Amino acid sequence: MLTLRKLIKTILRCWFYSCSTVLKMRTFLLVLALVAIAGFPFVSNWYYGRVRDSYAISQTEKVVEEYIKKNPEKILESVNQYRLAQFEEQQKQKEQEMSRLIAQHKSEVFDTRYPSFVAENGKATLVEFFDASCGYCKLASQILLKLKRDYPNVTYTLRSLPILGQSSLIAAKYDTGVFLFMKEKDIQDSKYSDFHSKLMSHEGTYTPEVVTGILSEISLDPQEVLKFVEKNEGEISSMVEATVQLAQKLRLEGTPVFIVGDKIVQGVSEAGLREILEKAS
């Protein structure tokens, strides 16, 4: 049997008797290669291992490609599940961040100096951020009336957030001002509730004339109320501006927004609000 050592000796003998320089060089390189293979067996093992791995990967890719072609709906289902999981995780993180922000600004959020219907021994407070010019907020105001009826042990606070222009700002100032006027005059909450409902049901631009008409409808002296609002314009404007700044701190992106405890409901969702109030009250 021809061993590797004998093979090398034979090749070296040929090299010694060879007159060709090129042949000698080729013979030398052949011996060097044989020695390398003999001295480092793991080199050959690594090489053939790589070949086998490459072949296995190639075969796996073919199997996967074939499966995708035959079952495209499975791939779409998997992608949709992944996207849903991502969305749910993002929502969870957003809710946690919102709870943190509410806790951080708790005294500002639940400030009953703003238009409020305070429940004696109330266990929960619902705060609404709204814009009187917002169509969804007008719908939400109707929902709020039903919630007040069904959950009388909850305190309701209304924060006018004028984000839709000058008309909204006028409505915000008068809504806040009328509440302060009634509070100073010790007028029943139901009177402010009537004013707020009519203000929210108004279609079109808000002006002092519109407010005057509403005040007349609920049997209040428009001149007396407007005089009060004018006299306290600085305080009223500061309160409205504070609501705008609070909305920025809470990173609110629109209206309506409802806050109960550390929970937040964005948009018009009566079912969502009822679920939270059931647990909170």
Protein backbone atom coordinates (compact mmCIF):
# COMPACT_ATOMS: atom_id res chain seq x y z
CA MET A 1 0.00 0.00 0.00
CA LEU A 2 1.40 3.36 -1.00
CA THR A 3 1.54 5.57 2.09
CA LEU A 4 1.71 9.35 2.09
CA ARG A 5 5.38 9.20 3.23
CA LYS A 6 6.38 6.90 0.34
CA LEU A 7 4.48 9.11 -2.09
CA ILE A 8 6.39 12.16 -0.90
CA LYS A 9 9.75 10.34 -1.20
CA THR A 10 8.93 9.29 -4.77
CA ILE A 11 7.97 12.85 -5.70
CA LEU A 12 11.15 14.26 -4.13
CA ARG A 13 13.27 11.76 -6.09
CA CYS A 14 11.62 12.96 -9.28
CA TRP A 15 12.31 16.53 -8.24
CA PHE A 16 16.01 15.82 -7.61
CA TYR A 17 16.58 14.21 -11.01
CA SER A 18 14.46 16.69 -12.91
CA CYS A 19 16.30 19.17 -15.13
CA SER A 20 13.29 21.46 -15.64
CA THR A 21 12.99 24.39 -13.26
CA VAL A 22 9.26 24.60 -13.87
CA LEU A 23 8.84 20.90 -13.11
CA LYS A 24 10.90 21.28 -9.93
CA MET A 25 8.68 24.15 -8.80
CA ARG A 26 5.49 22.19 -9.47
CA THR A 27 6.89 19.19 -7.62
CA PHE A 28 7.84 21.35 -4.64
CA LEU A 29 4.36 22.87 -4.43
CA LEU A 30 2.77 19.41 -4.62
CA VAL A 31 4.89 18.19 -1.70
CA LEU A 32 4.07 21.32 0.26
CA ALA A 33 0.36 20.74 -0.27
CA LEU A 34 0.62 17.10 0.80
CA VAL A 35 2.54 18.05 3.93
CA ALA A 36 -0.04 20.71 4.78
CA ILE A 37 -2.88 18.23 4.42
CA ALA A 38 -1.01 15.59 6.42
CA GLY A 39 0.00 18.05 9.17
CA PHE A 40 -3.33 19.87 9.47
CA PRO A 41 -6.22 17.45 9.01
CA PHE A 42 -8.71 19.95 10.46
CA VAL A 43 -8.18 22.13 7.36
CA SER A 44 -9.69 19.53 5.11
CA ASN A 45 -12.43 18.81 7.64
CA TRP A 46 -13.30 22.54 7.81
CA TYR A 47 -13.39 22.81 4.02
CA TYR A 48 -15.66 19.82 3.49
CA GLY A 49 -17.80 20.96 6.44
CA ARG A 50 -18.33 24.30 4.75
CA VAL A 51 -19.32 22.56 1.54
CA ARG A 52 -21.82 20.39 3.40
CA ASP A 53 -23.25 23.43 5.27
CA SER A 54 -23.56 25.38 2.04
CA TYR A 55 -25.41 22.51 0.45
CA ALA A 56 -27.73 22.17 3.46
CA ILE A 57 -28.53 25.91 3.42
CA SER A 58 -29.23 25.75 -0.30
CA GLN A 59 -31.62 22.84 0.18
CA THR A 60 -33.37 24.61 3.09
CA GLU A 61 -33.84 27.73 0.99
CA LYS A 62 -35.44 25.64 -1.73
CA VAL A 63 -37.84 24.03 0.74
CA VAL A 64 -38.83 27.41 2.23
CA GLU A 65 -39.29 28.95 -1.22
CA GLU A 66 -41.49 26.05 -2.28
CA TYR A 67 -43.59 26.34 0.91
CA ILE A 68 -44.13 30.07 0.33
CA LYS A 69 -45.31 29.40 -3.23
CA LYS A 70 -47.76 26.74 -2.10
CA ASN A 71 -49.02 28.54 1.05
CA PRO A 72 -49.00 32.33 0.47
CA GLU A 73 -51.95 32.81 2.85
CA LYS A 74 -49.88 31.36 5.72
CA ILE A 75 -47.17 33.95 5.12
CA LEU A 76 -49.71 36.79 5.07
CA GLU A 77 -51.28 35.45 8.26
CA SER A 78 -47.89 35.36 9.95
CA VAL A 79 -47.06 38.92 8.83
CA ASN A 80 -50.44 40.19 10.06
CA GLN A 81 -49.96 38.50 13.43
CA TYR A 82 -46.53 40.08 13.73
CA ARG A 83 -47.89 43.54 12.89
CA LEU A 84 -50.75 43.11 15.37
CA ALA A 85 -48.32 42.09 18.10
CA GLN A 86 -46.18 45.15 17.33
CA PHE A 87 -49.23 47.45 17.43
CA GLU A 88 -50.43 46.00 20.75
CA GLU A 89 -46.98 46.43 22.26
CA GLN A 90 -46.83 50.05 21.06
CA GLN A 91 -50.30 50.72 22.51
CA LYS A 92 -49.27 49.17 25.81
CA GLN A 93 -46.18 51.36 25.99
CA LYS A 94 -48.25 54.43 25.05
CA GLU A 95 -50.80 53.69 27.81
CA GLN A 96 -48.03 53.23 30.36
CA GLU A 97 -46.45 56.54 29.34
CA MET A 98 -49.84 58.30 29.51
CA SER A 99 -50.46 56.91 33.01
CA ARG A 100 -47.07 58.23 34.07
CA LEU A 101 -47.82 61.70 32.65
CA ILE A 102 -51.25 61.83 34.31
CA ALA A 103 -49.72 60.93 37.67
CA GLN A 104 -47.00 63.55 37.17
CA HIS A 105 -49.56 66.32 36.48
CA LYS A 106 -52.37 64.98 38.68
CA SER A 107 -53.15 68.26 40.47
CA GLU A 108 -53.49 70.08 37.14
CA VAL A 109 -55.60 67.37 35.49
CA PHE A 110 -58.15 67.07 38.32
CA ASP A 111 -58.54 70.80 39.00
CA THR A 112 -62.19 71.54 39.86
CA ARG A 113 -61.70 75.31 39.51
CA TYR A 114 -62.64 74.57 35.91
CA PRO A 115 -66.27 73.91 34.90
CA SER A 116 -67.20 70.92 37.05
CA PHE A 117 -70.16 68.95 38.34
CA VAL A 118 -68.87 67.80 41.71
CA ALA A 119 -70.37 64.65 43.23
CA GLU A 120 -70.52 64.51 47.01
CA ASN A 121 -68.44 61.59 48.24
CA GLY A 122 -67.61 60.86 44.61
CA LYS A 123 -65.24 57.95 44.06
CA ALA A 124 -64.03 59.00 40.62
CA THR A 125 -63.51 62.05 38.42
CA LEU A 126 -63.95 62.16 34.66
CA VAL A 127 -62.10 64.97 32.88
CA GLU A 128 -63.02 65.86 29.30
CA PHE A 129 -60.79 67.90 26.99
CA PHE A 130 -62.97 69.31 24.22
CA ASP A 131 -63.15 71.92 21.48
CA ALA A 132 -66.60 73.46 21.01
CA SER A 133 -66.05 73.61 17.22
CA CYS A 134 -65.17 69.90 17.01
CA GLY A 135 -67.93 67.72 15.54
CA TYR A 136 -66.89 64.68 17.55
CA CYS A 137 -66.86 66.78 20.73
CA LYS A 138 -70.46 67.78 20.04
CA LEU A 139 -71.37 64.08 19.90
CA ALA A 140 -69.35 63.45 23.06
CA SER A 141 -71.27 66.16 24.93
CA GLN A 142 -74.47 64.15 24.37
CA ILE A 143 -72.77 61.03 25.72
CA LEU A 144 -71.59 62.99 28.75
CA LEU A 145 -75.19 63.94 29.59
CA LYS A 146 -76.14 60.25 29.69
CA LEU A 147 -73.10 59.38 31.79
CA LYS A 148 -73.96 62.11 34.30
CA ARG A 149 -77.43 60.62 34.61
CA ASP A 150 -76.24 57.02 34.96
CA TYR A 151 -73.19 57.69 37.17
CA PRO A 152 -74.22 60.47 39.59
CA ASN A 153 -71.46 59.59 42.05
CA VAL A 154 -68.77 60.68 39.55
CA THR A 155 -67.35 64.22 39.35
CA TYR A 156 -67.25 65.61 35.81
CA THR A 157 -64.75 68.32 34.85
CA LEU A 158 -64.80 70.07 31.47
CA ARG A 159 -61.56 71.48 30.04
CA SER A 160 -62.12 73.63 26.97
CA LEU A 161 -59.16 73.10 24.63
CA PRO A 162 -59.38 75.55 21.69
CA ILE A 163 -57.32 74.01 18.89
CA LEU A 164 -59.49 74.87 15.88
CA GLY A 165 -59.00 78.62 15.68
CA GLN A 166 -60.41 81.91 16.93
CA SER A 167 -64.02 80.74 17.05
CA SER A 168 -63.02 77.90 19.40
CA LEU A 169 -61.07 80.34 21.57
CA ILE A 170 -64.13 82.60 21.95
CA ALA A 171 -66.26 79.59 22.94
CA ALA A 172 -63.61 78.44 25.44
CA LYS A 173 -63.42 81.82 27.16
CA TYR A 174 -67.19 82.20 27.45
CA ASP A 175 -67.73 78.61 28.59
CA THR A 176 -65.17 79.11 31.36
CA GLY A 177 -66.36 82.64 32.15
CA VAL A 178 -70.03 81.70 32.43
CA PHE A 179 -69.15 78.88 34.83
CA LEU A 180 -67.12 81.25 37.04
CA PHE A 181 -69.99 83.76 36.98
CA MET A 182 -72.52 81.15 38.11
CA LYS A 183 -70.17 79.89 40.79
CA GLU A 184 -69.71 83.39 42.18
CA LYS A 185 -73.46 84.03 42.12
CA ASP A 186 -74.12 80.59 43.63
CA ILE A 187 -76.36 79.60 40.72
CA GLN A 188 -77.24 75.91 40.46
CA ASP A 189 -75.05 73.63 38.32
CA SER A 190 -78.06 72.79 36.16
CA LYS A 191 -78.00 76.33 34.79
CA TYR A 192 -74.42 75.97 33.61
CA SER A 193 -75.30 72.53 32.23
CA ASP A 194 -78.04 74.14 30.13
CA PHE A 195 -75.64 76.81 28.87
CA HIS A 196 -72.92 74.27 28.01
CA SER A 197 -75.36 71.98 26.18
CA LYS A 198 -76.68 74.83 24.03
CA LEU A 199 -73.14 76.08 23.38
CA MET A 200 -72.08 72.62 22.18
CA SER A 201 -75.17 72.15 20.01
CA HIS A 202 -74.55 75.42 18.15
CA GLU A 203 -73.63 74.95 14.48
CA GLY A 204 -71.39 77.61 13.01
CA THR A 205 -68.98 80.26 14.23
CA TYR A 206 -68.92 81.36 17.87
CA THR A 207 -69.27 85.10 18.55
CA PRO A 208 -70.29 87.23 21.55
CA GLU A 209 -73.68 87.61 19.86
CA VAL A 210 -74.16 83.82 19.80
CA VAL A 211 -73.33 83.66 23.51
CA THR A 212 -75.75 86.53 24.24
CA GLY A 213 -78.52 84.59 22.52
CA ILE A 214 -77.82 81.45 24.54
CA LEU A 215 -77.79 83.39 27.82
CA SER A 216 -81.16 84.88 26.97
CA GLU A 217 -82.56 81.41 26.21
CA ILE A 218 -81.65 80.15 29.69
CA SER A 219 -83.03 83.28 31.38
CA LEU A 220 -79.76 84.91 32.42
CA ASP A 221 -79.00 88.62 32.01
CA PRO A 222 -76.54 88.72 29.07
CA GLN A 223 -75.20 92.16 29.99
CA GLU A 224 -74.42 91.11 33.56
CA VAL A 225 -72.65 87.96 32.43
CA LEU A 226 -70.67 89.68 29.66
CA LYS A 227 -69.62 92.42 32.07
CA PHE A 228 -68.33 89.76 34.49
CA VAL A 229 -66.42 87.99 31.71
CA GLU A 230 -64.85 91.26 30.57
CA LYS A 231 -63.84 92.17 34.13
CA ASN A 232 -62.23 88.76 34.72
CA GLU A 233 -60.77 88.32 31.25
CA GLY A 234 -57.21 87.96 32.59
CA GLU A 235 -58.07 85.07 34.90
CA ILE A 236 -60.25 83.40 32.27
CA SER A 237 -57.57 83.66 29.57
CA SER A 238 -54.96 82.25 31.98
CA MET A 239 -57.18 79.26 32.74
CA VAL A 240 -57.75 78.53 29.05
CA GLU A 241 -54.03 78.88 28.32
CA ALA A 242 -53.23 76.56 31.24
CA THR A 243 -55.45 73.91 29.65
CA VAL A 244 -53.58 74.28 26.35
CA GLN A 245 -50.25 73.87 28.16
CA LEU A 246 -51.54 70.87 30.11
CA ALA A 247 -52.64 69.20 26.88
CA GLN A 248 -49.11 69.66 25.55
CA LYS A 249 -47.61 68.15 28.72
CA LEU A 250 -49.94 65.16 28.37
CA ARG A 251 -49.12 64.93 24.64
CA LEU A 252 -52.78 64.97 23.65
CA GLU A 253 -53.16 64.80 19.88
CA GLY A 254 -56.75 65.97 19.43
CA THR A 255 -60.21 66.16 20.94
CA PRO A 256 -62.27 64.81 22.54
CA VAL A 257 -60.13 63.13 25.20
CA PHE A 258 -61.42 61.68 28.47
CA ILE A 259 -59.35 60.90 31.56
CA VAL A 260 -60.57 58.77 34.46
CA GLY A 261 -57.98 57.98 37.10
CA ASP A 262 -54.88 56.98 35.16
CA LYS A 263 -56.90 55.78 32.16
CA ILE A 264 -57.46 57.71 28.96
CA VAL A 265 -60.07 57.36 26.22
CA GLN A 266 -59.48 59.21 22.96
CA GLY A 267 -62.39 59.87 20.65
CA VAL A 268 -66.08 59.10 21.04
CA SER A 269 -66.40 55.76 22.83
CA GLU A 270 -69.41 55.51 25.14
CA ALA A 271 -68.80 51.81 25.74
CA GLY A 272 -65.17 52.45 26.66
CA LEU A 273 -66.13 55.21 29.10
CA ARG A 274 -68.86 53.12 30.71
CA GLU A 275 -66.46 50.23 31.20
CA ILE A 276 -63.94 52.48 32.97
CA LEU A 277 -66.60 54.22 35.10
CA GLU A 278 -68.08 50.87 36.17
CA LYS A 279 -64.70 49.87 37.58
CA ALA A 280 -63.84 53.30 39.01
CA SER A 281 -67.16 54.05 40.69
